[in-house]
Amino acid sequence: MSYKKNDKNGWALFLLILSGIVLGGFLGSLAKDIKFLEWINYGQDFGMHNPLKLDLQVLELDFRIYFNITIGSIIGIVAGIFVYRKL
């Protein structure tokens, strides 16, 4: 089976976008103390700040989903898509 340019893997795109989000957020947190790069860490957080608790007497579960989207994360997403298109 030969590889065609149009037969790209969706999992590769997902992993590249996910790694772009993580690396962009990490670089944004590193740049927050540098005066001319602090804009990279600017963003909005949303999600469930208070966890949903499920107490089953034997087992207690806490569910919480929380996103912090920054400009660094958005730059990472764009970089991940760019790398995917170059594959």
PDB file of N, CA and C in Angstrom:
ATOM      1  N   MET A   1       0.848  -1.167   0.000  1.00  0.00           N
ATOM      2  CA  MET A   1       0.000   0.000   0.000  1.00  0.00           C
ATOM      3  C   MET A   1       0.896   1.233   0.000  1.00  0.00           C
ATOM      4  N   SER A   2       0.702   2.099  -0.929  1.00  0.00           N
ATOM      5  CA  SER A   2       1.550   3.282  -1.046  1.00  0.00           C
ATOM      6  C   SER A   2       0.910   4.457  -0.302  1.00  0.00           C
ATOM      7  N   TYR A   3       1.768   5.344   0.133  1.00  0.00           N
ATOM      8  CA  TYR A   3       1.333   6.530   0.861  1.00  0.00           C
ATOM      9  C   TYR A   3       1.056   7.652  -0.128  1.00  0.00           C
ATOM     10  N   LYS A   4      -0.130   8.233  -0.034  1.00  0.00           N
ATOM     11  CA  LYS A   4      -0.489   9.361  -0.876  1.00  0.00           C
ATOM     12  C   LYS A   4      -0.474  10.628  -0.033  1.00  0.00           C
ATOM     13  N   LYS A   5      -0.297  11.754  -0.669  1.00  0.00           N
ATOM     14  CA  LYS A   5      -0.240  13.040   0.030  1.00  0.00           C
ATOM     15  C   LYS A   5      -1.568  13.357   0.725  1.00  0.00           C
ATOM     16  N   ASN A   6      -2.676  12.906   0.166  1.00  0.00           N
ATOM     17  CA  ASN A   6      -3.989  13.208   0.726  1.00  0.00           C
ATOM     18  C   ASN A   6      -4.407  12.252   1.840  1.00  0.00           C
ATOM     19  N   ASP A   7      -3.664  11.158   2.025  1.00  0.00           N
ATOM     20  CA  ASP A   7      -4.005  10.177   3.056  1.00  0.00           C
ATOM     21  C   ASP A   7      -3.305  10.520   4.363  1.00  0.00           C
ATOM     22  N   LYS A   8      -3.693  11.627   4.987  1.00  0.00           N
ATOM     23  CA  LYS A   8      -3.072  12.043   6.239  1.00  0.00           C
ATOM     24  C   LYS A   8      -3.856  11.471   7.408  1.00  0.00           C
ATOM     25  N   ASN A   9      -3.149  11.249   8.474  1.00  0.00           N
ATOM     26  CA  ASN A   9      -3.731  10.636   9.650  1.00  0.00           C
ATOM     27  C   ASN A   9      -4.337  11.704  10.559  1.00  0.00           C
ATOM     28  N   GLY A  10      -5.583  11.522  10.960  1.00  0.00           N
ATOM     29  CA  GLY A  10      -6.245  12.455  11.859  1.00  0.00           C
ATOM     30  C   GLY A  10      -5.646  12.458  13.252  1.00  0.00           C
ATOM     31  N   TRP A  11      -5.125  11.315  13.678  1.00  0.00           N
ATOM     32  CA  TRP A  11      -4.487  11.247  15.001  1.00  0.00           C
ATOM     33  C   TRP A  11      -3.224  12.091  15.046  1.00  0.00           C
ATOM     34  N   ALA A  12      -2.506  12.158  13.951  1.00  0.00           N
ATOM     35  CA  ALA A  12      -1.305  12.987  13.891  1.00  0.00           C
ATOM     36  C   ALA A  12      -1.677  14.454  14.072  1.00  0.00           C
ATOM     37  N   LEU A  13      -2.752  14.885  13.425  1.00  0.00           N
ATOM     38  CA  LEU A  13      -3.222  16.258  13.598  1.00  0.00           C
ATOM     39  C   LEU A  13      -3.613  16.512  15.041  1.00  0.00           C
ATOM     40  N   PHE A  14      -4.351  15.585  15.646  1.00  0.00           N
ATOM     41  CA  PHE A  14      -4.773  15.736  17.035  1.00  0.00           C
ATOM     42  C   PHE A  14      -3.566  15.858  17.970  1.00  0.00           C
ATOM     43  N   LEU A  15      -2.582  14.987  17.773  1.00  0.00           N
ATOM     44  CA  LEU A  15      -1.402  15.021  18.646  1.00  0.00           C
ATOM     45  C   LEU A  15      -0.567  16.278  18.426  1.00  0.00           C
ATOM     46  N   LEU A  16      -0.466  16.746  17.200  1.00  0.00           N
ATOM     47  CA  LEU A  16       0.272  17.979  16.941  1.00  0.00           C
ATOM     48  C   LEU A  16      -0.438  19.195  17.541  1.00  0.00           C
ATOM     49  N   ILE A  17      -1.755  19.241  17.454  1.00  0.00           N
ATOM     50  CA  ILE A  17      -2.500  20.343  18.061  1.00  0.00           C
ATOM     51  C   ILE A  17      -2.386  20.288  19.580  1.00  0.00           C
ATOM     52  N   LEU A  18      -2.503  19.094  20.147  1.00  0.00           N
ATOM     53  CA  LEU A  18      -2.386  18.946  21.596  1.00  0.00           C
ATOM     54  C   LEU A  18      -0.993  19.342  22.081  1.00  0.00           C
ATOM     55  N   SER A  19       0.029  18.917  21.382  1.00  0.00           N
ATOM     56  CA  SER A  19       1.386  19.302  21.779  1.00  0.00           C
ATOM     57  C   SER A  19       1.603  20.800  21.585  1.00  0.00           C
ATOM     58  N   GLY A  20       0.993  21.393  20.572  1.00  0.00           N
ATOM     59  CA  GLY A  20       1.075  22.840  20.381  1.00  0.00           C
ATOM     60  C   GLY A  20       0.417  23.607  21.512  1.00  0.00           C
ATOM     61  N   ILE A  21      -0.718  23.103  21.997  1.00  0.00           N
ATOM     62  CA  ILE A  21      -1.397  23.743  23.124  1.00  0.00           C
ATOM     63  C   ILE A  21      -0.525  23.682  24.369  1.00  0.00           C
ATOM     64  N   VAL A  22       0.040  22.514  24.635  1.00  0.00           N
ATOM     65  CA  VAL A  22       0.857  22.340  25.837  1.00  0.00           C
ATOM     66  C   VAL A  22       2.122  23.190  25.761  1.00  0.00           C
ATOM     67  N   LEU A  23       2.830  23.120  24.629  1.00  0.00           N
ATOM     68  CA  LEU A  23       4.069  23.890  24.491  1.00  0.00           C
ATOM     69  C   LEU A  23       3.806  25.398  24.478  1.00  0.00           C
ATOM     70  N   GLY A  24       2.740  25.822  23.824  1.00  0.00           N
ATOM     71  CA  GLY A  24       2.395  27.242  23.816  1.00  0.00           C
ATOM     72  C   GLY A  24       2.031  27.748  25.201  1.00  0.00           C
ATOM     73  N   GLY A  25       1.276  26.958  25.950  1.00  0.00           N
ATOM     74  CA  GLY A  25       0.950  27.346  27.323  1.00  0.00           C
ATOM     75  C   GLY A  25       2.174  27.376  28.220  1.00  0.00           C
ATOM     76  N   PHE A  26       3.076  26.412  28.018  1.00  0.00           N
ATOM     77  CA  PHE A  26       4.310  26.370  28.807  1.00  0.00           C
ATOM     78  C   PHE A  26       5.192  27.575  28.494  1.00  0.00           C
ATOM     79  N   LEU A  27       5.357  27.885  27.212  1.00  0.00           N
ATOM     80  CA  LEU A  27       6.161  29.051  26.844  1.00  0.00           C
ATOM     81  C   LEU A  27       5.514  30.351  27.313  1.00  0.00           C
ATOM     82  N   GLY A  28       4.188  30.391  27.313  1.00  0.00           N
ATOM     83  CA  GLY A  28       3.497  31.566  27.837  1.00  0.00           C
ATOM     84  C   GLY A  28       3.712  31.742  29.322  1.00  0.00           C
ATOM     85  N   SER A  29       3.717  30.644  30.075  1.00  0.00           N
ATOM     86  CA  SER A  29       3.964  30.758  31.516  1.00  0.00           C
ATOM     87  C   SER A  29       5.414  31.129  31.808  1.00  0.00           C
ATOM     88  N   LEU A  30       6.342  30.722  30.932  1.00  0.00           N
ATOM     89  CA  LEU A  30       7.734  31.142  31.101  1.00  0.00           C
ATOM     90  C   LEU A  30       7.926  32.620  30.770  1.00  0.00           C
ATOM     91  N   ALA A  31       7.151  33.131  29.826  1.00  0.00           N
ATOM     92  CA  ALA A  31       7.320  34.504  29.367  1.00  0.00           C
ATOM     93  C   ALA A  31       6.514  35.513  30.171  1.00  0.00           C
ATOM     94  N   LYS A  32       5.777  35.090  31.177  1.00  0.00           N
ATOM     95  CA  LYS A  32       4.914  36.037  31.892  1.00  0.00           C
ATOM     96  C   LYS A  32       5.696  37.055  32.712  1.00  0.00           C
ATOM     97  N   ASP A  33       6.931  36.755  33.074  1.00  0.00           N
ATOM     98  CA  ASP A  33       7.723  37.702  33.862  1.00  0.00           C
ATOM     99  C   ASP A  33       8.583  38.625  33.000  1.00  0.00           C
ATOM    100  N   ILE A  34       8.634  38.389  31.708  1.00  0.00           N
ATOM    101  CA  ILE A  34       9.392  39.237  30.796  1.00  0.00           C
ATOM    102  C   ILE A  34       8.458  40.322  30.277  1.00  0.00           C
ATOM    103  N   LYS A  35       8.845  41.567  30.467  1.00  0.00           N
ATOM    104  CA  LYS A  35       7.943  42.692  30.221  1.00  0.00           C
ATOM    105  C   LYS A  35       7.404  42.737  28.795  1.00  0.00           C
ATOM    106  N   PHE A  36       8.269  42.573  27.782  1.00  0.00           N
ATOM    107  CA  PHE A  36       7.801  42.716  26.406  1.00  0.00           C
ATOM    108  C   PHE A  36       7.199  41.425  25.849  1.00  0.00           C
ATOM    109  N   LEU A  37       7.197  40.322  26.621  1.00  0.00           N
ATOM    110  CA  LEU A  37       6.577  39.079  26.172  1.00  0.00           C
ATOM    111  C   LEU A  37       5.393  38.653  27.042  1.00  0.00           C
ATOM    112  N   GLU A  38       4.978  39.499  27.967  1.00  0.00           N
ATOM    113  CA  GLU A  38       3.890  39.092  28.867  1.00  0.00           C
ATOM    114  C   GLU A  38       2.548  38.955  28.166  1.00  0.00           C
ATOM    115  N   TRP A  39       2.415  39.520  26.972  1.00  0.00           N
ATOM    116  CA  TRP A  39       1.164  39.397  26.205  1.00  0.00           C
ATOM    117  C   TRP A  39       0.911  37.959  25.762  1.00  0.00           C
ATOM    118  N   ILE A  40       1.960  37.131  25.690  1.00  0.00           N
ATOM    119  CA  ILE A  40       1.792  35.739  25.271  1.00  0.00           C
ATOM    120  C   ILE A  40       0.978  34.951  26.294  1.00  0.00           C
ATOM    121  N   ASN A  41       1.064  35.346  27.562  1.00  0.00           N
ATOM    122  CA  ASN A  41       0.351  34.632  28.620  1.00  0.00           C
ATOM    123  C   ASN A  41      -1.059  35.186  28.853  1.00  0.00           C
ATOM    124  N   TYR A  42      -1.476  36.184  28.086  1.00  0.00           N
ATOM    125  CA  TYR A  42      -2.813  36.746  28.233  1.00  0.00           C
ATOM    126  C   TYR A  42      -3.849  35.761  27.707  1.00  0.00           C
ATOM    127  N   GLY A  43      -4.913  35.554  28.475  1.00  0.00           N
ATOM    128  CA  GLY A  43      -5.943  34.629  28.008  1.00  0.00           C
ATOM    129  C   GLY A  43      -7.148  34.618  28.909  1.00  0.00           C
ATOM    130  N   GLN A  44      -8.026  33.704  28.621  1.00  0.00           N
ATOM    131  CA  GLN A  44      -9.289  33.558  29.333  1.00  0.00           C
ATOM    132  C   GLN A  44      -9.420  32.128  29.816  1.00  0.00           C
ATOM    133  N   ASP A  45      -9.914  31.969  31.028  1.00  0.00           N
ATOM    134  CA  ASP A  45     -10.162  30.622  31.527  1.00  0.00           C
ATOM    135  C   ASP A  45     -11.666  30.398  31.647  1.00  0.00           C
ATOM    136  N   PHE A  46     -12.071  29.175  31.376  1.00  0.00           N
ATOM    137  CA  PHE A  46     -13.478  28.816  31.487  1.00  0.00           C
ATOM    138  C   PHE A  46     -13.586  27.344  31.811  1.00  0.00           C
ATOM    139  N   GLY A  47     -14.718  26.981  32.332  1.00  0.00           N
ATOM    140  CA  GLY A  47     -14.962  25.588  32.690  1.00  0.00           C
ATOM    141  C   GLY A  47     -15.675  25.505  34.035  1.00  0.00           C
ATOM    142  N   MET A  48     -15.615  24.326  34.616  1.00  0.00           N
ATOM    143  CA  MET A  48     -16.235  24.077  35.922  1.00  0.00           C
ATOM    144  C   MET A  48     -15.191  24.345  37.007  1.00  0.00           C
ATOM    145  N   HIS A  49     -15.295  25.501  37.664  1.00  0.00           N
ATOM    146  CA  HIS A  49     -14.335  25.824  38.714  1.00  0.00           C
ATOM    147  C   HIS A  49     -14.626  25.039  39.997  1.00  0.00           C
ATOM    148  N   ASN A  50     -15.881  24.806  40.269  1.00  0.00           N
ATOM    149  CA  ASN A  50     -16.258  23.988  41.422  1.00  0.00           C
ATOM    150  C   ASN A  50     -16.499  22.561  40.943  1.00  0.00           C
ATOM    151  N   PRO A  51     -15.804  21.600  41.537  1.00  0.00           N
ATOM    152  CA  PRO A  51     -15.947  20.221  41.035  1.00  0.00           C
ATOM    153  C   PRO A  51     -17.329  19.634  41.331  1.00  0.00           C
ATOM    154  N   LEU A  52     -17.763  18.762  40.446  1.00  0.00           N
ATOM    155  CA  LEU A  52     -18.990  17.999  40.628  1.00  0.00           C
ATOM    156  C   LEU A  52     -18.640  16.784  41.476  1.00  0.00           C
ATOM    157  N   LYS A  53     -19.255  16.657  42.646  1.00  0.00           N
ATOM    158  CA  LYS A  53     -18.919  15.576  43.565  1.00  0.00           C
ATOM    159  C   LYS A  53     -19.978  14.483  43.508  1.00  0.00           C
ATOM    160  N   LEU A  54     -19.500  13.256  43.457  1.00  0.00           N
ATOM    161  CA  LEU A  54     -20.361  12.085  43.464  1.00  0.00           C
ATOM    162  C   LEU A  54     -19.910  11.197  44.610  1.00  0.00           C
ATOM    163  N   ASP A  55     -20.737  11.126  45.644  1.00  0.00           N
ATOM    164  CA  ASP A  55     -20.394  10.334  46.827  1.00  0.00           C
ATOM    165  C   ASP A  55     -21.227   9.062  46.821  1.00  0.00           C
ATOM    166  N   LEU A  56     -20.557   7.918  46.695  1.00  0.00           N
ATOM    167  CA  LEU A  56     -21.232   6.628  46.665  1.00  0.00           C
ATOM    168  C   LEU A  56     -21.020   5.845  47.962  1.00  0.00           C
ATOM    169  N   GLN A  57     -20.638   6.520  49.017  1.00  0.00           N
ATOM    170  CA  GLN A  57     -20.362   5.953  50.339  1.00  0.00           C
ATOM    171  C   GLN A  57     -19.106   5.085  50.364  1.00  0.00           C
ATOM    172  N   VAL A  58     -18.856   4.338  49.335  1.00  0.00           N
ATOM    173  CA  VAL A  58     -17.653   3.516  49.253  1.00  0.00           C
ATOM    174  C   VAL A  58     -16.586   4.245  48.441  1.00  0.00           C
ATOM    175  N   LEU A  59     -17.039   5.003  47.475  1.00  0.00           N
ATOM    176  CA  LEU A  59     -16.160   5.690  46.548  1.00  0.00           C
ATOM    177  C   LEU A  59     -16.664   7.109  46.361  1.00  0.00           C
ATOM    178  N   GLU A  60     -15.748   8.070  46.430  1.00  0.00           N
ATOM    179  CA  GLU A  60     -16.121   9.465  46.197  1.00  0.00           C
ATOM    180  C   GLU A  60     -15.359   9.964  44.980  1.00  0.00           C
ATOM    181  N   LEU A  61     -16.102  10.502  44.012  1.00  0.00           N
ATOM    182  CA  LEU A  61     -15.515  10.975  42.761  1.00  0.00           C
ATOM    183  C   LEU A  61     -15.716  12.476  42.630  1.00  0.00           C
ATOM    184  N   ASP A  62     -14.694  13.158  42.147  1.00  0.00           N
ATOM    185  CA  ASP A  62     -14.764  14.586  41.848  1.00  0.00           C
ATOM    186  C   ASP A  62     -14.481  14.781  40.369  1.00  0.00           C
ATOM    187  N   PHE A  63     -15.374  15.498  39.683  1.00  0.00           N
ATOM    188  CA  PHE A  63     -15.216  15.784  38.263  1.00  0.00           C
ATOM    189  C   PHE A  63     -15.054  17.284  38.084  1.00  0.00           C
ATOM    190  N   ARG A  64     -14.015  17.669  37.310  1.00  0.00           N
ATOM    191  CA  ARG A  64     -13.794  19.083  37.039  1.00  0.00           C
ATOM    192  C   ARG A  64     -13.115  19.223  35.679  1.00  0.00           C
ATOM    193  N   ILE A  65     -13.661  20.078  34.851  1.00  0.00           N
ATOM    194  CA  ILE A  65     -13.061  20.396  33.562  1.00  0.00           C
ATOM    195  C   ILE A  65     -12.775  21.890  33.566  1.00  0.00           C
ATOM    196  N   TYR A  66     -11.528  22.234  33.262  1.00  0.00           N
ATOM    197  CA  TYR A  66     -11.086  23.612  33.356  1.00  0.00           C
ATOM    198  C   TYR A  66     -10.102  23.895  32.224  1.00  0.00           C
ATOM    199  N   PHE A  67     -10.359  24.897  31.427  1.00  0.00           N
ATOM    200  CA  PHE A  67      -9.506  25.277  30.301  1.00  0.00           C
ATOM    201  C   PHE A  67      -8.961  26.674  30.535  1.00  0.00           C
ATOM    202  N   ASN A  68      -7.688  26.857  30.213  1.00  0.00           N
ATOM    203  CA  ASN A  68      -7.072  28.175  30.244  1.00  0.00           C
ATOM    204  C   ASN A  68      -6.439  28.403  28.878  1.00  0.00           C
ATOM    205  N   ILE A  69      -7.143  29.124  28.025  1.00  0.00           N
ATOM    206  CA  ILE A  69      -6.681  29.378  26.669  1.00  0.00           C
ATOM    207  C   ILE A  69      -5.926  30.708  26.662  1.00  0.00           C
ATOM    208  N   THR A  70      -4.655  30.658  26.250  1.00  0.00           N
ATOM    209  CA  THR A  70      -3.832  31.856  26.162  1.00  0.00           C
ATOM    210  C   THR A  70      -3.419  32.094  24.718  1.00  0.00           C
ATOM    211  N   ILE A  71      -2.818  33.235  24.483  1.00  0.00           N
ATOM    212  CA  ILE A  71      -2.335  33.536  23.138  1.00  0.00           C
ATOM    213  C   ILE A  71      -1.220  32.569  22.764  1.00  0.00           C
ATOM    214  N   GLY A  72      -0.405  32.169  23.738  1.00  0.00           N
ATOM    215  CA  GLY A  72       0.631  31.175  23.473  1.00  0.00           C
ATOM    216  C   GLY A  72       0.035  29.851  23.021  1.00  0.00           C
ATOM    217  N   SER A  73      -1.079  29.447  23.616  1.00  0.00           N
ATOM    218  CA  SER A  73      -1.752  28.213  23.199  1.00  0.00           C
ATOM    219  C   SER A  73      -2.298  28.327  21.779  1.00  0.00           C
ATOM    220  N   ILE A  74      -2.834  29.481  21.450  1.00  0.00           N
ATOM    221  CA  ILE A  74      -3.357  29.686  20.094  1.00  0.00           C
ATOM    222  C   ILE A  74      -2.225  29.660  19.080  1.00  0.00           C
ATOM    223  N   ILE A  75      -1.099  30.273  19.421  1.00  0.00           N
ATOM    224  CA  ILE A  75       0.074  30.221  18.537  1.00  0.00           C
ATOM    225  C   ILE A  75       0.539  28.772  18.388  1.00  0.00           C
ATOM    226  N   GLY A  76       0.493  27.999  19.471  1.00  0.00           N
ATOM    227  CA  GLY A  76       0.864  26.587  19.404  1.00  0.00           C
ATOM    228  C   GLY A  76      -0.062  25.779  18.527  1.00  0.00           C
ATOM    229  N   ILE A  77      -1.363  26.072  18.564  1.00  0.00           N
ATOM    230  CA  ILE A  77      -2.332  25.388  17.700  1.00  0.00           C
ATOM    231  C   ILE A  77      -2.033  25.685  16.233  1.00  0.00           C
ATOM    232  N   VAL A  78      -1.773  26.955  15.930  1.00  0.00           N
ATOM    233  CA  VAL A  78      -1.455  27.342  14.555  1.00  0.00           C
ATOM    234  C   VAL A  78      -0.163  26.663  14.097  1.00  0.00           C
ATOM    235  N   ALA A  79       0.830  26.604  14.982  1.00  0.00           N
ATOM    236  CA  ALA A  79       2.096  25.944  14.627  1.00  0.00           C
ATOM    237  C   ALA A  79       1.884  24.449  14.405  1.00  0.00           C
ATOM    238  N   GLY A  80       1.031  23.803  15.222  1.00  0.00           N
ATOM    239  CA  GLY A  80       0.740  22.390  15.038  1.00  0.00           C
ATOM    240  C   GLY A  80       0.050  22.110  13.716  1.00  0.00           C
ATOM    241  N   ILE A  81      -0.895  22.956  13.332  1.00  0.00           N
ATOM    242  CA  ILE A  81      -1.575  22.796  12.045  1.00  0.00           C
ATOM    243  C   ILE A  81      -0.599  23.039  10.903  1.00  0.00           C
ATOM    244  N   PHE A  82       0.293  24.023  11.055  1.00  0.00           N
ATOM    245  CA  PHE A  82       1.293  24.300  10.026  1.00  0.00           C
ATOM    246  C   PHE A  82       2.228  23.106   9.836  1.00  0.00           C
ATOM    247  N   VAL A  83       2.677  22.508  10.931  1.00  0.00           N
ATOM    248  CA  VAL A  83       3.550  21.332  10.843  1.00  0.00           C
ATOM    249  C   VAL A  83       2.803  20.174  10.195  1.00  0.00           C
ATOM    250  N   TYR A  84       1.531  19.993  10.545  1.00  0.00           N
ATOM    251  CA  TYR A  84       0.736  18.916   9.955  1.00  0.00           C
ATOM    252  C   TYR A  84       0.605  19.081   8.439  1.00  0.00           C
ATOM    253  N   ARG A  85       0.386  20.314   8.000  1.00  0.00           N
ATOM    254  CA  ARG A  85       0.241  20.554   6.564  1.00  0.00           C
ATOM    255  C   ARG A  85       1.546  20.315   5.813  1.00  0.00           C
ATOM    256  N   LYS A  86       2.685  20.473   6.509  1.00  0.00           N
ATOM    257  CA  LYS A  86       3.975  20.259   5.864  1.00  0.00           C
ATOM    258  C   LYS A  86       4.367  18.791   5.831  1.00  0.00           C
ATOM    259  N   LEU A  87       3.667  17.927   6.589  1.00  0.00           N
ATOM    260  CA  LEU A  87       3.991  16.490   6.581  1.00  0.00           C
ATOM    261  C   LEU A  87       3.679  15.852   5.256  1.00  0.00           C
TER     262      LEU A  87
END
